[in-house]
């Protein structure tokens, strides 16, 4: 039987790595949700946890449902908040597949952060890091989506970060901004729109990259370049290119929403 087994397997091709899981890890604050002082009038997309209010990002549910539906993807969450708060928040994010908490592979929190320094003069994300190997030891198949690139564990995990660029406070309308000198307030309507639509852009990046799962991280890096997160605004060349692609590109609807200001 042992000889027969060996012969039966000798002609088989090696198992494809595409059969392995890909892990997507989301930060929470300033990535999927933003804390606000009070809920909006309609309270749509607003969540309350422990007396604090959060605005769920535009496109967050669509993005999560897209990932939950993909059998090869595991979704985890890693926030510097306490587990008690994080779990309550995730239980209130409802999708057609159940809550974000119910669908999570792992929920990592403050106690899971890696301390690299005890120097209290350093920023929180410079002292404490998010080690993505806690979710998947195979670093070629795990991605952290975060607004703060300082959380990454050095050069060894730099490729594992999809940085969203700097993010701003939530404003339902651009006209709601009263303090333009605030560094956390967008200075132009274009930057405001760009910030509001980032999760749609993340979905586009992931949808293109997951179909090339054996080169997942490399594809993420390539696809993220077209969204210009570093400058937090599209270049003129990008605008022209995107407009030409409307109607034919897989993310045309996203780009139309992004490029054409409208009441949200």
Protein backbone atom coordinates (compact mmCIF):
# COMPACT_ATOMS: atom_id res chain seq x y z
CA UNK A 1 0.00 0.00 0.00
CA UNK A 2 2.83 2.37 0.69
CA UNK A 3 4.38 1.71 -2.74
CA UNK A 4 1.02 2.16 -4.44
CA UNK A 5 0.48 5.45 -2.60
CA UNK A 6 3.87 6.75 -3.66
CA UNK A 7 3.29 5.89 -7.32
CA UNK A 8 -0.17 7.42 -7.25
CA UNK A 9 1.24 10.74 -6.08
CA UNK A 10 4.44 10.81 -8.10
CA UNK A 11 2.75 12.27 -11.17
CA UNK A 12 0.76 14.94 -9.34
CA UNK A 13 1.62 18.59 -9.75
CA UNK A 14 2.50 20.49 -6.57
CA UNK A 15 -0.52 21.97 -4.83
CA UNK A 16 -1.23 25.52 -5.96
CA UNK A 17 -0.66 28.22 -3.36
CA UNK A 18 -3.94 29.73 -4.50
CA UNK A 19 -5.64 27.06 -2.35
CA UNK A 20 -4.21 28.72 0.77
CA UNK A 21 -6.09 31.42 2.64
CA UNK A 22 -5.35 35.10 2.18
CA UNK A 23 -5.72 37.16 5.35
CA UNK A 24 -7.00 40.73 5.24
CA UNK A 25 -6.61 42.67 8.50
CA UNK A 26 -8.49 45.93 9.04
CA UNK A 27 -7.67 48.66 11.49
CA UNK A 28 -10.82 50.17 13.00
CA UNK A 29 -10.44 53.82 14.04
CA UNK A 30 -9.85 56.24 11.16
CA UNK A 31 -10.03 53.29 8.76
CA UNK A 32 -13.44 51.59 8.94
CA UNK A 33 -14.98 54.01 11.44
CA UNK A 34 -14.40 57.54 12.71
CA UNK A 35 -15.40 58.82 16.11
CA UNK A 36 -17.78 61.79 16.04
CA UNK A 37 -19.18 64.08 18.72
CA UNK A 38 -22.83 63.40 17.90
CA UNK A 39 -24.70 61.20 15.44
CA UNK A 40 -26.10 62.73 12.27
CA UNK A 41 -29.74 63.73 12.03
CA UNK A 42 -30.66 60.57 10.14
CA UNK A 43 -28.33 58.44 12.30
CA UNK A 44 -27.63 56.37 9.19
CA UNK A 45 -24.28 54.58 9.48
CA UNK A 46 -23.76 55.86 13.03
CA UNK A 47 -22.91 53.43 15.81
CA UNK A 48 -22.93 53.94 19.58
CA UNK A 49 -20.56 52.06 21.87
CA UNK A 50 -20.07 52.85 25.56
CA UNK A 51 -21.63 56.29 25.13
CA UNK A 52 -19.37 57.22 22.21
CA UNK A 53 -20.50 57.64 18.60
CA UNK A 54 -18.81 56.37 15.47
CA UNK A 55 -19.53 56.99 11.80
CA UNK A 56 -19.13 53.90 9.63
CA UNK A 57 -17.10 54.76 6.55
CA UNK A 58 -18.77 55.06 3.15
CA UNK A 59 -18.48 51.71 1.39
CA UNK A 60 -17.49 49.79 4.54
CA UNK A 61 -20.40 47.34 4.40
CA UNK A 62 -19.99 46.79 0.67
CA UNK A 63 -16.28 46.09 1.16
CA UNK A 64 -16.79 43.70 4.07
CA UNK A 65 -19.57 41.79 2.32
CA UNK A 66 -17.39 41.41 -0.76
CA UNK A 67 -14.61 39.87 1.34
CA UNK A 68 -16.91 37.74 3.51
CA UNK A 69 -18.31 36.18 0.32
CA UNK A 70 -14.88 35.05 -0.88
CA UNK A 71 -14.09 31.59 0.47
CA UNK A 72 -10.34 32.03 0.08
CA UNK A 73 -10.29 35.18 2.24
CA UNK A 74 -10.21 35.46 6.02
CA UNK A 75 -10.99 38.85 7.54
CA UNK A 76 -9.50 39.94 10.87
CA UNK A 77 -9.48 43.21 12.79
CA UNK A 78 -6.56 44.75 14.68
CA UNK A 79 -7.17 47.94 16.64
CA UNK A 80 -5.21 49.58 19.43
CA UNK A 81 -8.43 49.90 21.40
CA UNK A 82 -9.40 47.54 24.19
CA UNK A 83 -10.98 44.22 23.19
CA UNK A 84 -14.19 45.04 25.06
CA UNK A 85 -14.73 48.18 22.98
CA UNK A 86 -13.53 46.62 19.72
CA UNK A 87 -15.79 43.58 20.04
CA UNK A 88 -18.85 45.71 20.83
CA UNK A 89 -18.14 47.93 17.86
CA UNK A 90 -17.71 44.99 15.48
CA UNK A 91 -20.95 43.40 16.71
CA UNK A 92 -22.78 46.58 15.67
CA UNK A 93 -21.39 46.53 12.13
CA UNK A 94 -24.12 44.51 10.43
CA UNK A 95 -23.80 42.84 7.02
CA UNK A 96 -26.04 40.41 5.15
CA UNK A 97 -23.73 37.66 6.41
CA UNK A 98 -24.04 38.68 10.04
CA UNK A 99 -21.98 41.07 12.15
CA UNK A 100 -18.35 41.87 11.47
CA UNK A 101 -17.52 40.21 14.79
CA UNK A 102 -19.27 36.97 13.84
CA UNK A 103 -17.39 36.83 10.53
CA UNK A 104 -13.99 37.74 11.95
CA UNK A 105 -11.17 35.21 11.84
CA UNK A 106 -9.41 37.06 14.66
CA UNK A 107 -10.07 40.22 16.66
CA UNK A 108 -6.79 41.64 17.96
CA UNK A 109 -6.63 44.56 20.34
CA UNK A 110 -4.41 46.59 22.66
CA UNK A 111 -3.13 43.54 24.55
CA UNK A 112 -1.93 42.01 21.27
CA UNK A 113 0.27 44.96 20.29
CA UNK A 114 4.03 44.39 20.21
CA UNK A 115 5.88 46.80 22.50
CA UNK A 116 9.12 47.95 20.90
CA UNK A 117 9.84 50.89 23.21
CA UNK A 118 8.92 52.09 26.70
CA UNK A 119 9.77 55.71 25.87
CA UNK A 120 6.56 57.54 26.76
CA UNK A 121 7.63 60.58 24.73
CA UNK A 122 7.11 58.56 21.55
CA UNK A 123 3.77 58.39 19.79
CA UNK A 124 1.50 55.42 20.56
CA UNK A 125 2.12 53.82 17.15
CA UNK A 126 5.89 54.25 17.52
CA UNK A 127 5.97 52.35 20.81
CA UNK A 128 3.44 49.64 19.97
CA UNK A 129 3.22 47.69 16.71
CA UNK A 130 0.77 45.42 14.91
CA UNK A 131 2.54 42.16 14.13
CA UNK A 132 0.61 40.62 11.23
CA UNK A 133 2.26 37.24 11.82
CA UNK A 134 -0.19 36.82 14.71
CA UNK A 135 -2.79 36.23 11.99
CA UNK A 136 -0.71 34.37 9.40
CA UNK A 137 2.90 33.23 9.65
CA UNK A 138 3.10 33.20 5.85
CA UNK A 139 3.77 36.90 5.34
CA UNK A 140 3.24 36.61 1.59
CA UNK A 141 -0.49 36.10 2.17
CA UNK A 142 -1.44 38.64 4.81
CA UNK A 143 -2.29 42.34 4.42
CA UNK A 144 -2.92 45.06 7.01
CA UNK A 145 -5.11 47.99 5.94
CA UNK A 146 -4.40 50.97 8.18
CA UNK A 147 -4.32 54.77 8.15
CA UNK A 148 -1.16 54.88 10.31
CA UNK A 149 1.89 53.38 8.63
CA UNK A 150 3.92 53.64 11.84
CA UNK A 151 2.13 50.58 13.24
CA UNK A 152 3.95 48.21 10.90
CA UNK A 153 6.75 46.04 12.33
CA UNK A 154 9.82 47.39 10.55
CA UNK A 155 11.04 46.61 7.06
CA UNK A 156 10.22 42.91 7.34
CA UNK A 157 6.49 43.68 7.20
CA UNK A 158 6.47 46.86 5.14
CA UNK A 159 5.03 45.05 2.12
CA UNK A 160 2.20 43.81 4.32
CA UNK A 161 0.75 47.29 4.73
CA UNK A 162 -1.82 48.93 2.49
CA UNK A 163 -1.58 52.49 3.75
CA UNK A 164 -4.66 54.62 3.16
CA UNK A 165 -2.78 57.88 3.41
CA UNK A 166 -3.64 60.54 5.93
CA UNK A 167 -7.28 60.57 6.94
CA UNK A 168 -9.50 63.34 8.25
CA UNK A 169 -12.33 63.82 10.70
CA UNK A 170 -15.73 62.87 9.36
CA UNK A 171 -17.86 65.63 7.87
CA UNK A 172 -21.22 64.79 6.29
CA UNK A 173 -20.87 67.85 4.06
CA UNK A 174 -17.82 69.85 3.07
CA UNK A 175 -19.69 72.96 4.23
CA UNK A 176 -19.75 71.51 7.77
CA UNK A 177 -16.04 72.31 8.18
CA UNK A 178 -15.71 75.41 10.36
CA UNK A 179 -12.01 75.31 11.26
CA UNK A 180 -9.99 75.05 8.05
CA UNK A 181 -6.71 75.39 9.99
CA UNK A 182 -7.32 72.08 11.79
CA UNK A 183 -4.80 69.55 10.43
CA UNK A 184 -7.48 66.85 10.65
CA UNK A 185 -9.87 68.78 8.41
CA UNK A 186 -9.62 68.52 4.59
CA UNK A 187 -8.66 71.81 2.98
CA UNK A 188 -10.52 71.30 -0.31
CA UNK A 189 -13.70 69.59 -1.44
CA UNK A 190 -11.61 67.24 -3.58
CA UNK A 191 -9.67 66.06 -0.51
CA UNK A 192 -12.91 65.71 1.41
CA UNK A 193 -14.43 63.55 -1.34
CA UNK A 194 -11.22 61.55 -1.68
CA UNK A 195 -11.27 60.78 2.04
CA UNK A 196 -14.95 59.83 1.99
CA UNK A 197 -14.47 57.34 -0.85
CA UNK A 198 -11.29 55.56 0.21
CA UNK A 199 -12.98 52.30 1.15
CA UNK A 200 -14.36 52.03 -2.39
CA UNK A 201 -10.80 52.42 -3.62
CA UNK A 202 -9.63 49.73 -1.20
CA UNK A 203 -12.26 47.37 -2.59
CA UNK A 204 -11.04 48.03 -6.13
CA UNK A 205 -7.43 47.32 -5.11
CA UNK A 206 -8.39 44.08 -3.37
CA UNK A 207 -10.69 42.85 -6.13
CA UNK A 208 -7.89 43.23 -8.68
CA UNK A 209 -5.26 41.72 -6.39
CA UNK A 210 -7.16 38.71 -5.04
CA UNK A 211 -7.57 37.37 -8.56
CA UNK A 212 -3.77 37.19 -8.71
CA UNK A 213 -3.43 35.46 -5.36
CA UNK A 214 -0.02 33.88 -5.99
CA UNK A 215 1.41 37.41 -6.35
CA UNK A 216 -1.01 39.05 -3.96
CA UNK A 217 1.19 41.60 -2.17
CA UNK A 218 3.00 42.64 -5.34
CA UNK A 219 -0.34 43.19 -7.05
CA UNK A 220 -1.66 45.21 -4.10
CA UNK A 221 1.37 47.48 -4.34
CA UNK A 222 0.83 47.97 -8.06
CA UNK A 223 -2.93 48.56 -7.85
CA UNK A 224 -2.66 51.00 -4.94
CA UNK A 225 -0.38 53.31 -6.93
CA UNK A 226 -3.22 54.51 -9.16
CA UNK A 227 -5.15 55.94 -6.22
CA UNK A 228 -2.40 58.34 -5.11
CA UNK A 229 -2.93 57.89 -1.36
CA UNK A 230 0.37 59.64 -0.68
CA UNK A 231 -0.96 63.00 -1.89
CA UNK A 232 -4.56 62.35 -0.84
CA UNK A 233 -5.85 63.84 -4.07
CA UNK A 234 -5.92 62.74 -7.72
CA UNK A 235 -3.51 64.34 -10.17
CA UNK A 236 -4.86 65.98 -13.33
CA UNK A 237 -3.42 63.11 -15.35
CA UNK A 238 -5.24 60.60 -13.17
CA UNK A 239 -8.53 62.47 -13.54
CA UNK A 240 -8.23 62.45 -17.33
CA UNK A 241 -7.25 58.79 -17.37
CA UNK A 242 -10.10 57.79 -15.05
CA UNK A 243 -12.70 59.69 -17.06
CA UNK A 244 -11.62 57.89 -20.25
CA UNK A 245 -12.05 54.57 -18.47
CA UNK A 246 -15.59 55.29 -17.26
CA UNK A 247 -17.95 52.63 -18.49
CA UNK A 248 -15.24 50.14 -19.37
CA UNK A 249 -13.14 49.73 -16.23
CA UNK A 250 -14.13 47.46 -13.36
CA UNK A 251 -13.94 50.39 -10.95
CA UNK A 252 -15.68 52.92 -13.20
CA UNK A 253 -18.58 53.32 -10.82
CA UNK A 254 -16.19 54.02 -7.99
CA UNK A 255 -14.34 56.62 -10.01
CA UNK A 256 -17.57 58.32 -11.06
CA UNK A 257 -18.66 58.62 -7.44
CA UNK A 258 -15.21 59.93 -6.56
CA UNK A 259 -14.73 62.38 -9.41
CA UNK A 260 -18.18 63.94 -9.53
CA UNK A 261 -19.09 65.92 -6.40
CA UNK A 262 -22.62 65.26 -5.23
CA UNK A 263 -24.68 65.34 -2.08
CA UNK A 264 -23.96 62.12 -0.22
